[in-house]
Amino acid sequence: MNETTSTTHGGTAADATHYQTLAQQPIEIMQRLMTKEQFLGFCHGNVVKYALRCGHKDDPAKEMEKVRQYADWYVSAARGETIDPMKKAQVETIGPGCYLYAAPKAHGTEKSAEAPSPDPEQKSWIDCVKEFNKAYDVPTLPGPALRYVEYLDTLATQAELINEEINELNVAFDDWMGGGDAKVAILDAICDSIYVLIGLALKMGFNLDAAFREVHRSNMSKLGEDGKPIKRDDGKVLKGPNFTPPNLEPYI
């Protein structure tokens, strides 16, 4: 196939040439031979590789197309789907390891809402809650909470808010599990729960961002000696021999 050949997969001739190049790597075979974690790592590594090459190659658009394709395979694999090497990429890349999945429009259905364009000045979740606290004059502790007994009522109120949001999440999830159309309610409850949990961390004077990363580091140390996850029959991830618990003392 050359660049003047038409395609039957909805892409351009240039797309077809690129997919043929990618197909030289038996991506669908690799997915079958690797564990899920290994395959995700392989796809993510190629996303990073081609993203870095965009800055010094003569045709950065071609490299970015490879980024999108490997990112699409990453998303498909993460969802438990079988890779289709000829499927046109459906993801928009924000940066290595950060993908927006744009689901294709199904025939005869409403067009899915598009994700907003990424804003390089966009605040972190923690900064958003800080902005809320400042705008609404919500008390935030100047240091570790246990040293400030006058804030106990504020902390108790925050705990009540957390319980309310978690209860709303449970109700919405039970509704959805029972066949109800509650996905919007679930997402709303998840966001509200995260919001009030961050609020509690701020009120307690915790360094939440650093603590979260330390917990993530600890979780990633649960892999077995062979680099594979150890799981119970119900799917719960168990701790491997190299597990190290998180050290959160520096962040309280």
C-alpha atoms as a PDB file:
ATOM      1  CA  MET A   1       0.000   0.000   0.000  1.00  0.00           C
ATOM      2  CA  ASN A   2       1.366   3.439  -0.851  1.00  0.00           C
ATOM      3  CA  GLU A   3       0.304   6.937   0.063  1.00  0.00           C
ATOM      4  CA  THR A   4      -1.965   7.244  -2.977  1.00  0.00           C
ATOM      5  CA  THR A   5      -3.999   4.165  -2.084  1.00  0.00           C
ATOM      6  CA  SER A   6      -7.493   4.748  -0.717  1.00  0.00           C
ATOM      7  CA  THR A   7      -8.583   3.112   2.517  1.00  0.00           C
ATOM      8  CA  THR A   8     -11.707   1.338   3.672  1.00  0.00           C
ATOM      9  CA  HIS A   9     -11.338   2.166   7.354  1.00  0.00           C
ATOM     10  CA  GLY A  10     -12.454   5.788   7.372  1.00  0.00           C
ATOM     11  CA  GLY A  11      -8.913   7.218   7.379  1.00  0.00           C
ATOM     12  CA  THR A  12      -6.792   9.021   4.824  1.00  0.00           C
ATOM     13  CA  ALA A  13      -4.167   7.419   2.613  1.00  0.00           C
ATOM     14  CA  ALA A  14      -1.479   8.765   4.945  1.00  0.00           C
ATOM     15  CA  ASP A  15      -3.300   7.125   7.861  1.00  0.00           C
ATOM     16  CA  ALA A  16      -3.280   3.815   6.024  1.00  0.00           C
ATOM     17  CA  THR A  17       0.468   4.034   5.452  1.00  0.00           C
ATOM     18  CA  HIS A  18       1.015   4.779   9.121  1.00  0.00           C
ATOM     19  CA  TYR A  19      -1.201   1.920  10.292  1.00  0.00           C
ATOM     20  CA  GLN A  20       0.658  -0.437   7.973  1.00  0.00           C
ATOM     21  CA  THR A  21       3.909   0.692   9.582  1.00  0.00           C
ATOM     22  CA  LEU A  22       2.485   0.142  13.066  1.00  0.00           C
ATOM     23  CA  ALA A  23       1.102  -3.235  12.044  1.00  0.00           C
ATOM     24  CA  GLN A  24       4.682  -4.397  11.439  1.00  0.00           C
ATOM     25  CA  GLN A  25       4.713  -4.685  15.214  1.00  0.00           C
ATOM     26  CA  PRO A  26       2.109  -7.425  15.924  1.00  0.00           C
ATOM     27  CA  ILE A  27       0.359  -5.313  18.516  1.00  0.00           C
ATOM     28  CA  GLU A  28      -2.578  -7.691  18.925  1.00  0.00           C
ATOM     29  CA  ILE A  29      -0.186 -10.612  19.434  1.00  0.00           C
ATOM     30  CA  MET A  30       1.809  -8.644  21.992  1.00  0.00           C
ATOM     31  CA  GLN A  31      -1.388  -7.946  23.900  1.00  0.00           C
ATOM     32  CA  ARG A  32      -2.092 -11.676  24.102  1.00  0.00           C
ATOM     33  CA  LEU A  33       1.445 -12.594  25.183  1.00  0.00           C
ATOM     34  CA  MET A  34       1.911  -9.865  27.802  1.00  0.00           C
ATOM     35  CA  THR A  35       0.146  -9.383  31.095  1.00  0.00           C
ATOM     36  CA  LYS A  36      -2.200  -6.424  31.165  1.00  0.00           C
ATOM     37  CA  GLU A  37       0.259  -4.416  33.264  1.00  0.00           C
ATOM     38  CA  GLN A  38       3.149  -5.215  30.901  1.00  0.00           C
ATOM     39  CA  PHE A  39       1.128  -4.241  27.844  1.00  0.00           C
ATOM     40  CA  LEU A  40      -0.020  -0.984  29.431  1.00  0.00           C
ATOM     41  CA  GLY A  41       3.600  -0.210  30.277  1.00  0.00           C
ATOM     42  CA  PHE A  42       4.648  -0.972  26.698  1.00  0.00           C
ATOM     43  CA  CYS A  43       2.000   1.358  25.243  1.00  0.00           C
ATOM     44  CA  HIS A  44       2.739   4.102  27.753  1.00  0.00           C
ATOM     45  CA  GLY A  45       6.470   3.855  27.028  1.00  0.00           C
ATOM     46  CA  ASN A  46       5.821   4.371  23.320  1.00  0.00           C
ATOM     47  CA  VAL A  47       3.560   7.335  24.065  1.00  0.00           C
ATOM     48  CA  VAL A  48       6.414   8.970  25.972  1.00  0.00           C
ATOM     49  CA  LYS A  49       8.995   8.033  23.322  1.00  0.00           C
ATOM     50  CA  TYR A  50       7.071   9.499  20.395  1.00  0.00           C
ATOM     51  CA  ALA A  51       5.991  12.540  22.408  1.00  0.00           C
ATOM     52  CA  LEU A  52       9.645  13.332  23.107  1.00  0.00           C
ATOM     53  CA  ARG A  53      10.519  12.835  19.436  1.00  0.00           C
ATOM     54  CA  CYS A  54       7.937  15.433  18.408  1.00  0.00           C
ATOM     55  CA  GLY A  55      10.299  18.209  19.451  1.00  0.00           C
ATOM     56  CA  HIS A  56      13.176  17.323  17.155  1.00  0.00           C
ATOM     57  CA  LYS A  57      11.756  15.422  14.189  1.00  0.00           C
ATOM     58  CA  ASP A  58      11.127  16.984  10.772  1.00  0.00           C
ATOM     59  CA  ASP A  59       7.507  15.811  10.800  1.00  0.00           C
ATOM     60  CA  PRO A  60       6.194  16.248  14.377  1.00  0.00           C
ATOM     61  CA  ALA A  61       2.623  15.624  13.194  1.00  0.00           C
ATOM     62  CA  LYS A  62       3.598  12.092  12.209  1.00  0.00           C
ATOM     63  CA  GLU A  63       5.128  11.488  15.637  1.00  0.00           C
ATOM     64  CA  MET A  64       2.023  12.870  17.324  1.00  0.00           C
ATOM     65  CA  GLU A  65      -0.114  10.467  15.282  1.00  0.00           C
ATOM     66  CA  LYS A  66       1.938   7.638  16.781  1.00  0.00           C
ATOM     67  CA  VAL A  67       1.388   9.123  20.231  1.00  0.00           C
ATOM     68  CA  ARG A  68      -2.366   9.118  19.655  1.00  0.00           C
ATOM     69  CA  GLN A  69      -2.334   5.561  18.324  1.00  0.00           C
ATOM     70  CA  TYR A  70      -0.397   4.101  21.247  1.00  0.00           C
ATOM     71  CA  ALA A  71      -2.513   6.145  23.658  1.00  0.00           C
ATOM     72  CA  ASP A  72      -5.631   4.676  22.050  1.00  0.00           C
ATOM     73  CA  TRP A  73      -4.286   1.163  22.480  1.00  0.00           C
ATOM     74  CA  TYR A  74      -3.470   2.015  26.104  1.00  0.00           C
ATOM     75  CA  VAL A  75      -7.049   3.169  26.750  1.00  0.00           C
ATOM     76  CA  SER A  76      -8.519   0.120  25.003  1.00  0.00           C
ATOM     77  CA  ALA A  77      -6.322  -2.260  26.990  1.00  0.00           C
ATOM     78  CA  ALA A  78      -7.127  -0.482  30.256  1.00  0.00           C
ATOM     79  CA  ARG A  79     -10.807  -1.073  29.460  1.00  0.00           C
ATOM     80  CA  GLY A  80     -10.179  -4.760  28.834  1.00  0.00           C
ATOM     81  CA  GLU A  81     -10.839  -4.472  25.098  1.00  0.00           C
ATOM     82  CA  THR A  82      -9.045  -6.427  22.369  1.00  0.00           C
ATOM     83  CA  ILE A  83      -6.709  -4.261  20.291  1.00  0.00           C
ATOM     84  CA  ASP A  84      -7.695  -3.560  16.692  1.00  0.00           C
ATOM     85  CA  PRO A  85      -4.463  -2.488  14.913  1.00  0.00           C
ATOM     86  CA  MET A  86      -6.402  -0.961  12.014  1.00  0.00           C
ATOM     87  CA  LYS A  87      -8.735   1.150  14.140  1.00  0.00           C
ATOM     88  CA  LYS A  88      -8.183   4.886  13.866  1.00  0.00           C
ATOM     89  CA  ALA A  89      -7.121   6.475  17.151  1.00  0.00           C
ATOM     90  CA  GLN A  90      -9.935   8.002  19.212  1.00  0.00           C
ATOM     91  CA  VAL A  91      -7.867   9.803  21.846  1.00  0.00           C
ATOM     92  CA  GLU A  92      -6.614  13.332  22.207  1.00  0.00           C
ATOM     93  CA  THR A  93      -3.289  13.558  24.027  1.00  0.00           C
ATOM     94  CA  ILE A  94      -2.622  16.221  26.629  1.00  0.00           C
ATOM     95  CA  GLY A  95       0.805  14.934  27.556  1.00  0.00           C
ATOM     96  CA  PRO A  96       2.581  11.648  28.243  1.00  0.00           C
ATOM     97  CA  GLY A  97       0.393   9.573  30.526  1.00  0.00           C
ATOM     98  CA  CYS A  98      -2.616  11.909  30.285  1.00  0.00           C
ATOM     99  CA  TYR A  99      -5.243  10.981  27.701  1.00  0.00           C
ATOM    100  CA  LEU A 100      -8.722  12.199  26.855  1.00  0.00           C
ATOM    101  CA  TYR A 101     -10.818   9.468  25.214  1.00  0.00           C
ATOM    102  CA  ALA A 102     -13.205  10.788  22.580  1.00  0.00           C
ATOM    103  CA  ALA A 103     -15.734   8.004  22.050  1.00  0.00           C
ATOM    104  CA  PRO A 104     -16.788   7.639  18.382  1.00  0.00           C
ATOM    105  CA  LYS A 105     -20.356   8.633  17.587  1.00  0.00           C
ATOM    106  CA  ALA A 106     -22.579   5.598  17.287  1.00  0.00           C
ATOM    107  CA  HIS A 107     -24.847   5.463  14.248  1.00  0.00           C
ATOM    108  CA  GLY A 108     -28.236   7.009  15.000  1.00  0.00           C
ATOM    109  CA  THR A 109     -27.292   8.354  18.431  1.00  0.00           C
ATOM    110  CA  GLU A 110     -26.699  11.797  19.861  1.00  0.00           C
ATOM    111  CA  LYS A 111     -23.190  13.146  19.560  1.00  0.00           C
ATOM    112  CA  SER A 112     -21.213  12.738  22.773  1.00  0.00           C
ATOM    113  CA  ALA A 113     -20.207  15.914  24.555  1.00  0.00           C
ATOM    114  CA  GLU A 114     -16.624  16.813  23.751  1.00  0.00           C
ATOM    115  CA  ALA A 115     -14.112  17.206  26.561  1.00  0.00           C
ATOM    116  CA  PRO A 116     -12.999  20.794  27.114  1.00  0.00           C
ATOM    117  CA  SER A 117      -9.599  21.798  25.804  1.00  0.00           C
ATOM    118  CA  PRO A 118      -6.855  21.467  28.414  1.00  0.00           C
ATOM    119  CA  ASP A 119      -5.870  24.722  30.073  1.00  0.00           C
ATOM    120  CA  PRO A 120      -2.147  24.952  30.938  1.00  0.00           C
ATOM    121  CA  GLU A 121      -3.100  27.383  33.702  1.00  0.00           C
ATOM    122  CA  GLN A 122      -5.725  25.028  35.108  1.00  0.00           C
ATOM    123  CA  LYS A 123      -5.679  24.742  38.891  1.00  0.00           C
ATOM    124  CA  SER A 124      -5.089  21.469  40.677  1.00  0.00           C
ATOM    125  CA  TRP A 125      -7.974  19.951  42.613  1.00  0.00           C
ATOM    126  CA  ILE A 126      -6.369  21.068  45.861  1.00  0.00           C
ATOM    127  CA  ASP A 127      -5.971  24.642  44.612  1.00  0.00           C
ATOM    128  CA  CYS A 128      -9.635  24.646  43.542  1.00  0.00           C
ATOM    129  CA  VAL A 129     -10.738  23.789  47.082  1.00  0.00           C
ATOM    130  CA  LYS A 130      -8.348  26.386  48.488  1.00  0.00           C
ATOM    131  CA  GLU A 131      -9.956  28.956  46.182  1.00  0.00           C
ATOM    132  CA  PHE A 132     -13.407  27.917  47.431  1.00  0.00           C
ATOM    133  CA  ASN A 133     -12.322  28.172  51.071  1.00  0.00           C
ATOM    134  CA  LYS A 134     -10.930  31.647  50.496  1.00  0.00           C
ATOM    135  CA  ALA A 135     -13.970  32.896  48.557  1.00  0.00           C
ATOM    136  CA  TYR A 136     -16.450  31.599  51.145  1.00  0.00           C
ATOM    137  CA  ASP A 137     -14.339  32.343  54.221  1.00  0.00           C
ATOM    138  CA  VAL A 138     -14.107  28.685  55.222  1.00  0.00           C
ATOM    139  CA  PRO A 139     -11.716  28.250  58.169  1.00  0.00           C
ATOM    140  CA  THR A 140      -8.455  26.489  57.366  1.00  0.00           C
ATOM    141  CA  LEU A 141      -6.073  25.497  60.119  1.00  0.00           C
ATOM    142  CA  PRO A 142      -2.663  27.193  60.195  1.00  0.00           C
ATOM    143  CA  GLY A 143      -1.007  23.946  61.275  1.00  0.00           C
ATOM    144  CA  PRO A 144      -1.637  20.407  62.585  1.00  0.00           C
ATOM    145  CA  ALA A 145      -5.267  20.130  63.659  1.00  0.00           C
ATOM    146  CA  LEU A 146      -4.746  18.425  66.994  1.00  0.00           C
ATOM    147  CA  ARG A 147      -3.016  21.535  68.339  1.00  0.00           C
ATOM    148  CA  TYR A 148      -6.033  23.733  67.699  1.00  0.00           C
ATOM    149  CA  VAL A 149      -8.967  22.544  69.790  1.00  0.00           C
ATOM    150  CA  GLU A 150     -10.971  25.634  68.827  1.00  0.00           C
ATOM    151  CA  TYR A 151     -11.350  24.121  65.341  1.00  0.00           C
ATOM    152  CA  LEU A 152     -12.987  20.893  66.551  1.00  0.00           C
ATOM    153  CA  ASP A 153     -16.502  22.065  65.622  1.00  0.00           C
ATOM    154  CA  THR A 154     -15.281  22.909  62.117  1.00  0.00           C
ATOM    155  CA  LEU A 155     -13.713  19.475  61.774  1.00  0.00           C
ATOM    156  CA  ALA A 156     -16.875  17.774  63.027  1.00  0.00           C
ATOM    157  CA  THR A 157     -18.932  19.649  60.439  1.00  0.00           C
ATOM    158  CA  GLN A 158     -16.512  18.575  57.713  1.00  0.00           C
ATOM    159  CA  ALA A 159     -16.823  14.950  58.825  1.00  0.00           C
ATOM    160  CA  GLU A 160     -20.614  15.234  58.554  1.00  0.00           C
ATOM    161  CA  LEU A 161     -20.285  16.589  55.018  1.00  0.00           C
ATOM    162  CA  ILE A 162     -18.087  13.645  54.070  1.00  0.00           C
ATOM    163  CA  ASN A 163     -20.617  11.168  55.445  1.00  0.00           C
ATOM    164  CA  GLU A 164     -23.413  12.889  53.519  1.00  0.00           C
ATOM    165  CA  GLU A 165     -21.542  12.746  50.217  1.00  0.00           C
ATOM    166  CA  ILE A 166     -20.472   9.115  50.694  1.00  0.00           C
ATOM    167  CA  ASN A 167     -24.072   8.194  51.506  1.00  0.00           C
ATOM    168  CA  GLU A 168     -25.238   9.945  48.322  1.00  0.00           C
ATOM    169  CA  LEU A 169     -22.633   7.989  46.377  1.00  0.00           C
ATOM    170  CA  ASN A 170     -23.822   4.706  47.881  1.00  0.00           C
ATOM    171  CA  VAL A 171     -27.452   5.507  47.055  1.00  0.00           C
ATOM    172  CA  ALA A 172     -26.610   6.478  43.467  1.00  0.00           C
ATOM    173  CA  PHE A 173     -24.416   3.411  42.974  1.00  0.00           C
ATOM    174  CA  ASP A 174     -27.078   1.070  44.349  1.00  0.00           C
ATOM    175  CA  ASP A 175     -29.575   2.696  41.973  1.00  0.00           C
ATOM    176  CA  TRP A 176     -27.269   2.135  39.011  1.00  0.00           C
ATOM    177  CA  MET A 177     -26.501  -1.466  40.014  1.00  0.00           C
ATOM    178  CA  GLY A 178     -30.249  -2.042  40.106  1.00  0.00           C
ATOM    179  CA  GLY A 179     -30.635  -0.857  36.517  1.00  0.00           C
ATOM    180  CA  GLY A 180     -31.325   2.818  37.153  1.00  0.00           C
ATOM    181  CA  ASP A 181     -29.931   5.671  35.068  1.00  0.00           C
ATOM    182  CA  ALA A 182     -27.735   7.096  37.824  1.00  0.00           C
ATOM    183  CA  LYS A 183     -24.326   7.581  36.205  1.00  0.00           C
ATOM    184  CA  VAL A 184     -24.558  11.383  36.413  1.00  0.00           C
ATOM    185  CA  ALA A 185     -25.521  11.125  40.080  1.00  0.00           C
ATOM    186  CA  ILE A 186     -22.578   8.779  40.708  1.00  0.00           C
ATOM    187  CA  LEU A 187     -20.127  11.163  39.055  1.00  0.00           C
ATOM    188  CA  ASP A 188     -21.569  14.116  40.953  1.00  0.00           C
ATOM    189  CA  ALA A 189     -21.253  12.254  44.259  1.00  0.00           C
ATOM    190  CA  ILE A 190     -17.677  11.201  43.459  1.00  0.00           C
ATOM    191  CA  CYS A 191     -16.678  14.804  42.717  1.00  0.00           C
ATOM    192  CA  ASP A 192     -18.431  16.123  45.820  1.00  0.00           C
ATOM    193  CA  SER A 193     -16.785  13.430  47.953  1.00  0.00           C
ATOM    194  CA  ILE A 194     -13.336  14.310  46.631  1.00  0.00           C
ATOM    195  CA  TYR A 195     -14.089  17.987  47.243  1.00  0.00           C
ATOM    196  CA  VAL A 196     -15.012  17.553  50.909  1.00  0.00           C
ATOM    197  CA  LEU A 197     -12.188  15.070  51.539  1.00  0.00           C
ATOM    198  CA  ILE A 198      -9.676  17.586  50.206  1.00  0.00           C
ATOM    199  CA  GLY A 199     -11.374  20.162  52.400  1.00  0.00           C
ATOM    200  CA  LEU A 200     -10.776  17.980  55.462  1.00  0.00           C
ATOM    201  CA  ALA A 201      -7.111  17.518  54.547  1.00  0.00           C
ATOM    202  CA  LEU A 202      -6.714  21.296  54.282  1.00  0.00           C
ATOM    203  CA  LYS A 203      -8.469  21.847  57.592  1.00  0.00           C
ATOM    204  CA  MET A 204      -6.175  19.287  59.202  1.00  0.00           C
ATOM    205  CA  GLY A 205      -3.120  21.077  57.832  1.00  0.00           C
ATOM    206  CA  PHE A 206      -1.979  18.049  55.815  1.00  0.00           C
ATOM    207  CA  ASN A 207       0.278  18.152  52.745  1.00  0.00           C
ATOM    208  CA  LEU A 208      -2.208  16.099  50.741  1.00  0.00           C
ATOM    209  CA  ASP A 209      -0.396  16.154  47.400  1.00  0.00           C
ATOM    210  CA  ALA A 210       2.858  14.805  48.832  1.00  0.00           C
ATOM    211  CA  ALA A 211       1.013  12.283  51.003  1.00  0.00           C
ATOM    212  CA  PHE A 212      -1.006  10.987  48.037  1.00  0.00           C
ATOM    213  CA  ARG A 213       2.173  10.473  46.011  1.00  0.00           C
ATOM    214  CA  GLU A 214       3.765   8.609  48.916  1.00  0.00           C
ATOM    215  CA  VAL A 215       0.728   6.319  49.173  1.00  0.00           C
ATOM    216  CA  HIS A 216       0.938   5.742  45.405  1.00  0.00           C
ATOM    217  CA  ARG A 217       4.629   4.836  45.729  1.00  0.00           C
ATOM    218  CA  SER A 218       3.742   2.367  48.459  1.00  0.00           C
ATOM    219  CA  ASN A 219       0.928   0.831  46.410  1.00  0.00           C
ATOM    220  CA  MET A 220       3.253   0.318  43.451  1.00  0.00           C
ATOM    221  CA  SER A 221       5.631  -1.654  45.700  1.00  0.00           C
ATOM    222  CA  LYS A 222       3.015  -4.419  46.094  1.00  0.00           C
ATOM    223  CA  LEU A 223       4.089  -6.212  42.901  1.00  0.00           C
ATOM    224  CA  GLY A 224       5.547  -9.697  43.249  1.00  0.00           C
ATOM    225  CA  GLU A 225       9.167 -10.695  42.637  1.00  0.00           C
ATOM    226  CA  ASP A 226       8.328 -11.327  38.982  1.00  0.00           C
ATOM    227  CA  GLY A 227       6.886  -7.841  38.575  1.00  0.00           C
ATOM    228  CA  LYS A 228       3.347  -9.176  38.360  1.00  0.00           C
ATOM    229  CA  PRO A 229       0.434  -8.383  40.677  1.00  0.00           C
ATOM    230  CA  ILE A 230      -0.588 -10.799  43.411  1.00  0.00           C
ATOM    231  CA  LYS A 231      -4.362 -11.040  43.707  1.00  0.00           C
ATOM    232  CA  ARG A 232      -6.969 -12.852  45.748  1.00  0.00           C
ATOM    233  CA  ASP A 233      -9.717 -14.776  44.007  1.00  0.00           C
ATOM    234  CA  ASP A 234     -12.002 -11.744  44.343  1.00  0.00           C
ATOM    235  CA  GLY A 235      -9.473  -9.501  42.572  1.00  0.00           C
ATOM    236  CA  LYS A 236      -8.119  -7.665  45.619  1.00  0.00           C
ATOM    237  CA  VAL A 237      -4.450  -6.757  45.139  1.00  0.00           C
ATOM    238  CA  LEU A 238      -2.239  -8.291  47.834  1.00  0.00           C
ATOM    239  CA  LYS A 239       1.125  -7.089  49.106  1.00  0.00           C
ATOM    240  CA  GLY A 240       4.232  -8.593  47.541  1.00  0.00           C
ATOM    241  CA  PRO A 241       7.520  -9.331  49.332  1.00  0.00           C
ATOM    242  CA  ASN A 242       8.962  -5.926  48.440  1.00  0.00           C
ATOM    243  CA  PHE A 243       6.056  -3.920  49.814  1.00  0.00           C
ATOM    244  CA  THR A 244       6.964  -0.881  51.882  1.00  0.00           C
ATOM    245  CA  PRO A 245       4.234   0.973  53.780  1.00  0.00           C
ATOM    246  CA  PRO A 246       3.793   4.696  53.177  1.00  0.00           C
ATOM    247  CA  ASN A 247       5.666   7.054  55.474  1.00  0.00           C
ATOM    248  CA  LEU A 248       3.146   9.830  56.071  1.00  0.00           C
ATOM    249  CA  GLU A 249       4.669  11.389  59.180  1.00  0.00           C
ATOM    250  CA  PRO A 250       6.396  14.204  57.215  1.00  0.00           C
ATOM    251  CA  TYR A 251       3.080  15.344  55.738  1.00  0.00           C
ATOM    252  CA  ILE A 252       0.852  15.747  58.807  1.00  0.00           C
END
